[in-house]
Every structure is written in C-alpha cells, then in structure tokens.
Amino acid sequence: MADSATTEAHPPPTGGGTGVRLALRPPTRAVDRRSVAWWTVRALGAVLPPVLALVLLGTLIAPARFWLLLSAAVIGVPGLLYAAVMPSWRYRVHRWETTDDAVFTRAGWVWQQWRIAPLTRIQTVDTVRGPLQRTFGLATLIVTTASAAGAVRIDGLAHELARDLAEELTRITQAGPGDAT
C-alpha cells in the first residue's frame, strides 16, 4: 500500500517495455454513480438476513427473546451504519484512469490501495457482471498482469464503458511486442 503520490513503480523490463518510470499518482476518473446503490444493496444483503432471522426467532422463542433481540441489535446497528456510510465514502475514494503507458487505480474505503498496471505487463483483460451488477447496469474490469500482487480491478464501471475499455486495452496490448511476462 502506497501513501505517497511520489512513490514510483518498478519500470517495465528492458526489451519489452518503454523504459519509462511511472509515477504513482491519483487517478482522475470516478466510477459510475450507480455504484453507490450497488454497494448499498450488497451491504444490506449481508446485514439484513441474520438480523431478520434473529428478530423472527426472538419473537417466536419467549425464554430467549431478550438475548436474540439484543444479538439482532448488536449486528443490525453497526451493519446499518456500515450500509449507510460505506458506499458514499467508497465512491469518493475509488478512482481509475488509463493512459498511453498504464492503468491506474485507487480503491478501498478504510484501507486504500493504489495500483499501476503498465500496459506492457498486461496479460488479460476481463469484464465481470454478476446478477446485481447487471441490475444496476455495471461491470467490473479485471486487468491481469505478470504481478505477484494480483489483478488490478476497477469495480463499478458502466457496462458499456467496461466493455469498450476492455476492447481498447486488449487491442493496445496485442499490438505491443513481447508476451507481458
């Protein structure tokens, strides 16, 4: 995790890249605004089922009512606070950008991660759309590189933008020399 915008990434290997050092800097593009609703529904989907189950059991089982309802409150209050705060906060943090040299991302909400994927290191570009993402018209772009840190993910892009970006990055990387290893 990098805290400074002046931290530099490792340059691409000689022979396969441009030899240009890429500075870690804040990406400029925000994810789609619909991501806030998507993240909210996902958070509520994780919080509400156990809370509702505990409330239902608490109303049906008289001897354990207090403990079950207390458990529902202990899970529900922080869970609802999380669902109310996290999506907007995350929207303010998540950024992405592509340049002629790299894909830049910043993600997270408590622990933030800044990543650079030099175009010369890209191996695959994928889009993922789960059922909930399809409902909101969103997609996740996954850029796999030869990095041990794993793929670079851009969550919450408009489906059409993710598709076009995947096609563009694939075209650019196919035109480059080498095998991105």
Protein backbone atom coordinates (compact mmCIF):
# COMPACT_ATOMS: atom_id res chain seq x y z
CA MET A 1 0.00 0.00 0.00
CA ALA A 2 1.46 3.33 -1.00
CA ASP A 3 0.73 6.53 0.86
CA SER A 4 2.66 8.95 -1.28
CA ALA A 5 1.91 10.15 -4.78
CA THR A 6 5.66 10.39 -5.38
CA THR A 7 6.30 6.67 -5.00
CA GLU A 8 7.43 5.13 -8.27
CA ALA A 9 6.53 1.76 -9.67
CA HIS A 10 9.15 -0.65 -10.94
CA PRO A 11 9.91 0.08 -14.59
CA PRO A 12 8.91 -2.42 -17.24
CA PRO A 13 11.65 -4.89 -18.09
CA THR A 14 14.07 -3.73 -20.74
CA GLY A 15 13.32 -5.00 -24.20
CA GLY A 16 9.60 -5.48 -23.50
CA GLY A 17 8.61 -2.01 -22.36
CA THR A 18 9.15 1.65 -22.89
CA GLY A 19 11.75 2.01 -20.15
CA VAL A 20 9.68 4.89 -18.70
CA ARG A 21 9.23 5.03 -14.94
CA LEU A 22 5.59 5.51 -13.99
CA ALA A 23 4.92 7.75 -11.00
CA LEU A 24 2.17 6.69 -8.62
CA ARG A 25 -0.38 9.48 -8.74
CA PRO A 26 -4.07 9.85 -8.06
CA PRO A 27 -6.22 8.56 -10.91
CA THR A 28 -8.73 11.15 -12.13
CA ARG A 29 -11.86 9.26 -13.23
CA ALA A 30 -14.64 8.34 -10.81
CA VAL A 31 -16.55 5.09 -11.07
CA ASP A 32 -20.19 5.22 -12.15
CA ARG A 33 -22.51 6.92 -9.63
CA ARG A 34 -24.78 3.83 -9.69
CA SER A 35 -22.02 2.05 -7.75
CA VAL A 36 -23.30 3.71 -4.57
CA ALA A 37 -26.64 1.93 -4.91
CA TRP A 38 -24.91 -1.34 -5.86
CA TRP A 39 -22.62 -1.23 -2.81
CA THR A 40 -25.58 -0.27 -0.57
CA VAL A 41 -27.68 -3.23 -1.73
CA ARG A 42 -24.71 -5.59 -1.29
CA ALA A 43 -24.13 -4.31 2.26
CA LEU A 44 -27.81 -4.62 3.16
CA GLY A 45 -27.84 -8.12 1.65
CA ALA A 46 -25.11 -9.13 4.09
CA VAL A 47 -26.63 -7.42 7.16
CA LEU A 48 -30.38 -7.91 6.90
CA PRO A 49 -30.74 -11.74 6.68
CA PRO A 50 -29.09 -12.53 10.04
CA VAL A 51 -30.81 -9.57 11.73
CA LEU A 52 -34.23 -10.59 10.40
CA ALA A 53 -33.63 -14.22 11.40
CA LEU A 54 -32.71 -13.17 14.95
CA VAL A 55 -35.74 -10.85 15.21
CA LEU A 56 -38.02 -13.63 13.95
CA LEU A 57 -36.58 -16.13 16.42
CA GLY A 58 -36.76 -13.52 19.18
CA THR A 59 -40.46 -13.04 18.60
CA LEU A 60 -41.12 -16.80 18.49
CA ILE A 61 -38.95 -18.05 21.36
CA ALA A 62 -40.10 -16.33 24.55
CA PRO A 63 -37.42 -17.60 27.01
CA ALA A 64 -34.53 -16.42 24.77
CA ARG A 65 -36.28 -13.30 23.44
CA PHE A 66 -34.04 -10.76 25.16
CA TRP A 67 -30.77 -12.38 24.01
CA LEU A 68 -31.93 -12.90 20.45
CA LEU A 69 -33.23 -9.34 20.10
CA LEU A 70 -30.06 -7.99 21.72
CA SER A 71 -28.00 -10.01 19.24
CA ALA A 72 -30.06 -8.57 16.38
CA ALA A 73 -29.36 -5.05 17.64
CA VAL A 74 -25.64 -5.77 18.10
CA ILE A 75 -25.41 -6.94 14.49
CA GLY A 76 -28.00 -4.60 12.99
CA VAL A 77 -26.95 -1.19 14.32
CA PRO A 78 -23.31 -1.31 13.11
CA GLY A 79 -24.42 -3.14 9.96
CA LEU A 80 -26.93 -0.46 9.04
CA LEU A 81 -24.38 2.24 9.85
CA TYR A 82 -21.92 0.44 7.54
CA ALA A 83 -24.55 0.24 4.76
CA ALA A 84 -25.33 3.95 5.18
CA VAL A 85 -21.76 5.28 5.25
CA MET A 86 -19.53 2.89 3.27
CA PRO A 87 -20.97 3.28 -0.26
CA SER A 88 -20.67 7.08 -0.42
CA TRP A 89 -17.25 7.03 1.21
CA ARG A 90 -16.07 4.34 -1.18
CA TYR A 91 -17.41 6.33 -4.14
CA ARG A 92 -15.28 9.30 -3.10
CA VAL A 93 -12.15 7.11 -2.92
CA HIS A 94 -12.48 4.79 -5.94
CA ARG A 95 -10.77 6.27 -8.98
CA TRP A 96 -9.29 4.91 -12.18
CA GLU A 97 -7.55 6.13 -15.30
CA THR A 98 -5.88 4.76 -18.39
CA THR A 99 -3.02 6.48 -20.19
CA ASP A 100 -0.79 5.53 -23.10
CA ASP A 101 1.51 3.81 -20.59
CA ALA A 102 -0.58 2.29 -17.81
CA VAL A 103 -3.85 1.63 -15.99
CA PHE A 104 -4.02 3.49 -12.66
CA THR A 105 -6.44 2.58 -9.86
CA ARG A 106 -7.20 3.64 -6.31
CA ALA A 107 -9.67 1.52 -4.35
CA GLY A 108 -10.83 0.76 -0.84
CA TRP A 109 -12.52 2.82 1.80
CA VAL A 110 -10.69 2.22 5.06
CA TRP A 111 -7.55 0.59 3.64
CA GLN A 112 -6.80 2.23 0.31
CA GLN A 113 -4.73 0.59 -2.38
CA TRP A 114 -3.16 2.46 -5.31
CA ARG A 115 -2.05 0.31 -8.25
CA ILE A 116 -0.37 0.83 -11.59
CA ALA A 117 -0.50 -1.78 -14.34
CA PRO A 118 1.91 -0.85 -17.14
CA LEU A 119 0.32 -1.68 -20.48
CA THR A 120 3.41 -3.69 -21.41
CA ARG A 121 2.70 -6.03 -18.47
CA ILE A 122 -0.98 -6.72 -19.20
CA GLN A 123 -1.72 -10.38 -19.90
CA THR A 124 -5.53 -10.49 -19.94
CA VAL A 125 -8.42 -8.06 -19.70
CA ASP A 126 -11.80 -9.33 -18.49
CA THR A 127 -15.17 -7.91 -17.55
CA VAL A 128 -17.36 -9.44 -14.87
CA ARG A 129 -21.06 -8.76 -14.37
CA GLY A 130 -22.86 -10.50 -11.55
CA PRO A 131 -26.66 -10.52 -11.34
CA LEU A 132 -26.74 -7.49 -9.06
CA GLN A 133 -24.29 -5.58 -11.27
CA ARG A 134 -26.46 -6.34 -14.32
CA THR A 135 -29.46 -4.94 -12.45
CA PHE A 136 -27.60 -1.64 -11.97
CA GLY A 137 -26.00 -1.65 -15.45
CA LEU A 138 -22.49 -2.01 -14.01
CA ALA A 139 -19.44 -4.19 -14.59
CA THR A 140 -16.02 -4.85 -13.10
CA LEU A 141 -12.94 -4.61 -15.30
CA ILE A 142 -10.14 -7.00 -14.32
CA VAL A 143 -6.68 -6.38 -15.73
CA THR A 144 -4.36 -9.33 -15.11
CA THR A 145 -0.66 -8.63 -15.20
CA ALA A 146 2.54 -10.50 -14.54
CA SER A 147 2.47 -9.12 -10.99
CA ALA A 148 2.56 -11.25 -7.88
CA ALA A 149 0.18 -8.70 -6.29
CA GLY A 150 -2.65 -9.99 -8.46
CA ALA A 151 -5.02 -8.43 -10.92
CA VAL A 152 -5.99 -4.76 -11.00
CA ARG A 153 -9.76 -4.39 -10.55
CA ILE A 154 -11.96 -1.45 -11.42
CA ASP A 155 -15.33 -2.03 -9.76
CA GLY A 156 -18.44 -0.05 -10.63
CA LEU A 157 -17.93 0.92 -14.26
CA ALA A 158 -20.88 1.41 -16.56
CA HIS A 159 -21.25 -1.84 -18.52
CA GLU A 160 -20.70 -0.18 -21.91
CA LEU A 161 -17.61 1.67 -20.69
CA ALA A 162 -16.12 -1.52 -19.21
CA ARG A 163 -16.74 -3.37 -22.49
CA ASP A 164 -15.17 -0.57 -24.58
CA LEU A 165 -12.22 -0.23 -22.21
CA ALA A 166 -11.58 -4.00 -22.28
CA GLU A 167 -11.60 -3.95 -26.09
CA GLU A 168 -9.26 -0.93 -26.22
CA LEU A 169 -6.78 -2.36 -23.70
CA THR A 170 -6.81 -5.72 -25.47
CA ARG A 171 -6.15 -4.03 -28.82
CA ILE A 172 -3.28 -1.96 -27.38
CA THR A 173 -1.63 -4.90 -25.63
CA GLN A 174 -1.93 -7.14 -28.69
CA ALA A 175 -0.18 -4.51 -30.80
CA GLY A 176 2.79 -4.38 -28.39
CA PRO A 177 5.83 -6.64 -28.65
CA GLY A 178 6.58 -9.40 -26.15
CA ASP A 179 4.45 -11.66 -24.01
CA ALA A 180 3.94 -9.37 -20.95
CA THR A 181 5.92 -11.60 -18.59
